[in-house]
Amino acid sequence: MEIEKEIEAIKGRNIRVEADKGWETSWTRRLFIAVATYLIAVLWLMLIRESSVWLKAVVPVGGYVLSTLSLSFVKKWWVAKFWKSA
């Protein structure tokens, strides 16, 4: 009975880990962070009385989106080159 409980606990953990992985790479997460970054940048630019706040706030969001698109190949390279599995 104890082994069955442990197996079920491991299966539950695996489901949570898979969900976390899915969330980390999801476009929903990326879009939410991009929108939040944009709104924070707009508020900051308004606070410091900058001109063209709606346009200038796109810059950090663009950088964020580009970084999410380009890092996947860097991660694959890093894992293949440097990750030592036990």
C-alpha atoms as a PDB file:
ATOM      1  CA  MET A   1       0.000   0.000   0.000  1.00  0.00           C
ATOM      2  CA  GLU A   2       2.799   2.426   0.845  1.00  0.00           C
ATOM      3  CA  ILE A   3       4.448   1.988  -2.554  1.00  0.00           C
ATOM      4  CA  GLU A   4       1.166   2.735  -4.324  1.00  0.00           C
ATOM      5  CA  LYS A   5       0.823   5.975  -2.355  1.00  0.00           C
ATOM      6  CA  GLU A   6       4.377   6.957  -3.289  1.00  0.00           C
ATOM      7  CA  ILE A   7       3.739   6.191  -6.955  1.00  0.00           C
ATOM      8  CA  GLU A   8       0.569   8.302  -6.905  1.00  0.00           C
ATOM      9  CA  ALA A   9       2.486  11.136  -5.216  1.00  0.00           C
ATOM     10  CA  ILE A  10       5.165  10.954  -7.921  1.00  0.00           C
ATOM     11  CA  LYS A  11       2.528  10.954 -10.664  1.00  0.00           C
ATOM     12  CA  GLY A  12       0.886  14.007  -9.092  1.00  0.00           C
ATOM     13  CA  ARG A  13       4.232  15.777  -8.881  1.00  0.00           C
ATOM     14  CA  ASN A  14       4.971  14.933 -12.518  1.00  0.00           C
ATOM     15  CA  ILE A  15       1.652  16.449 -13.582  1.00  0.00           C
ATOM     16  CA  ARG A  16       2.455  19.664 -11.671  1.00  0.00           C
ATOM     17  CA  VAL A  17       5.961  19.803 -13.177  1.00  0.00           C
ATOM     18  CA  GLU A  18       4.561  19.356 -16.693  1.00  0.00           C
ATOM     19  CA  ALA A  19       2.019  22.122 -16.057  1.00  0.00           C
ATOM     20  CA  ASP A  20       4.793  24.424 -14.789  1.00  0.00           C
ATOM     21  CA  LYS A  21       6.877  23.712 -17.891  1.00  0.00           C
ATOM     22  CA  GLY A  22       3.879  24.403 -20.086  1.00  0.00           C
ATOM     23  CA  TRP A  23       3.214  27.697 -18.316  1.00  0.00           C
ATOM     24  CA  GLU A  24       6.847  28.809 -18.546  1.00  0.00           C
ATOM     25  CA  THR A  25       6.849  28.412 -22.335  1.00  0.00           C
ATOM     26  CA  SER A  26       3.253  29.480 -23.031  1.00  0.00           C
ATOM     27  CA  TRP A  27       2.294  32.449 -25.153  1.00  0.00           C
ATOM     28  CA  THR A  28      -0.302  33.352 -22.513  1.00  0.00           C
ATOM     29  CA  ARG A  29       2.491  33.970 -19.998  1.00  0.00           C
ATOM     30  CA  ARG A  30       4.577  35.897 -22.529  1.00  0.00           C
ATOM     31  CA  LEU A  31       1.629  38.046 -23.554  1.00  0.00           C
ATOM     32  CA  PHE A  32       0.676  38.773 -19.938  1.00  0.00           C
ATOM     33  CA  ILE A  33       4.249  39.843 -19.098  1.00  0.00           C
ATOM     34  CA  ALA A  34       4.445  41.955 -22.263  1.00  0.00           C
ATOM     35  CA  VAL A  35       1.180  43.767 -21.473  1.00  0.00           C
ATOM     36  CA  ALA A  36       2.180  44.295 -17.834  1.00  0.00           C
ATOM     37  CA  THR A  37       5.591  45.621 -18.925  1.00  0.00           C
ATOM     38  CA  TYR A  38       3.941  47.969 -21.401  1.00  0.00           C
ATOM     39  CA  LEU A  39       1.530  49.374 -18.825  1.00  0.00           C
ATOM     40  CA  ILE A  40       4.274  49.872 -16.252  1.00  0.00           C
ATOM     41  CA  ALA A  41       6.458  51.595 -18.849  1.00  0.00           C
ATOM     42  CA  VAL A  42       3.554  53.864 -19.870  1.00  0.00           C
ATOM     43  CA  LEU A  43       2.891  54.791 -16.239  1.00  0.00           C
ATOM     44  CA  TRP A  44       6.573  55.494 -15.615  1.00  0.00           C
ATOM     45  CA  LEU A  45       6.915  57.616 -18.746  1.00  0.00           C
ATOM     46  CA  MET A  46       3.797  59.574 -17.784  1.00  0.00           C
ATOM     47  CA  LEU A  47       5.138  60.054 -14.265  1.00  0.00           C
ATOM     48  CA  ILE A  48       8.376  61.562 -15.548  1.00  0.00           C
ATOM     49  CA  ARG A  49       6.414  63.624 -18.092  1.00  0.00           C
ATOM     50  CA  GLU A  50       8.052  62.078 -21.143  1.00  0.00           C
ATOM     51  CA  SER A  51       6.622  62.748 -24.599  1.00  0.00           C
ATOM     52  CA  SER A  52       5.180  60.002 -26.851  1.00  0.00           C
ATOM     53  CA  VAL A  53       4.693  57.615 -23.924  1.00  0.00           C
ATOM     54  CA  TRP A  54       2.534  55.124 -25.860  1.00  0.00           C
ATOM     55  CA  LEU A  55       5.204  54.739 -28.530  1.00  0.00           C
ATOM     56  CA  LYS A  56       8.239  54.769 -26.240  1.00  0.00           C
ATOM     57  CA  ALA A  57       6.707  52.125 -23.967  1.00  0.00           C
ATOM     58  CA  VAL A  58       6.932  49.658 -26.862  1.00  0.00           C
ATOM     59  CA  VAL A  59      10.739  49.529 -26.605  1.00  0.00           C
ATOM     60  CA  PRO A  60      11.035  47.411 -23.419  1.00  0.00           C
ATOM     61  CA  VAL A  61       8.177  45.179 -24.550  1.00  0.00           C
ATOM     62  CA  GLY A  62       9.888  44.605 -27.885  1.00  0.00           C
ATOM     63  CA  GLY A  63      13.085  43.678 -26.087  1.00  0.00           C
ATOM     64  CA  TYR A  64      11.233  41.247 -23.860  1.00  0.00           C
ATOM     65  CA  VAL A  65       9.403  39.580 -26.749  1.00  0.00           C
ATOM     66  CA  LEU A  66      12.607  39.273 -28.777  1.00  0.00           C
ATOM     67  CA  SER A  67      14.386  37.704 -25.823  1.00  0.00           C
ATOM     68  CA  THR A  68      11.674  35.055 -25.451  1.00  0.00           C
ATOM     69  CA  LEU A  69      11.933  34.199 -29.123  1.00  0.00           C
ATOM     70  CA  SER A  70      15.701  34.032 -29.362  1.00  0.00           C
ATOM     71  CA  LEU A  71      16.611  32.315 -26.121  1.00  0.00           C
ATOM     72  CA  SER A  72      15.217  28.905 -27.024  1.00  0.00           C
ATOM     73  CA  PHE A  73      18.086  28.131 -29.394  1.00  0.00           C
ATOM     74  CA  VAL A  74      20.594  29.496 -26.862  1.00  0.00           C
ATOM     75  CA  LYS A  75      19.069  27.229 -24.209  1.00  0.00           C
ATOM     76  CA  LYS A  76      19.300  24.194 -26.501  1.00  0.00           C
ATOM     77  CA  TRP A  77      22.948  24.978 -27.219  1.00  0.00           C
ATOM     78  CA  TRP A  78      23.708  25.500 -23.511  1.00  0.00           C
ATOM     79  CA  VAL A  79      22.019  22.263 -22.487  1.00  0.00           C
ATOM     80  CA  ALA A  80      23.877  20.296 -25.160  1.00  0.00           C
ATOM     81  CA  LYS A  81      27.225  21.914 -24.385  1.00  0.00           C
ATOM     82  CA  PHE A  82      27.291  22.481 -20.628  1.00  0.00           C
ATOM     83  CA  TRP A  83      24.530  20.595 -18.800  1.00  0.00           C
ATOM     84  CA  LYS A  84      25.852  17.544 -17.019  1.00  0.00           C
ATOM     85  CA  SER A  85      23.079  15.145 -16.094  1.00  0.00           C
ATOM     86  CA  ALA A  86      23.626  12.854 -13.163  1.00  0.00           C
END
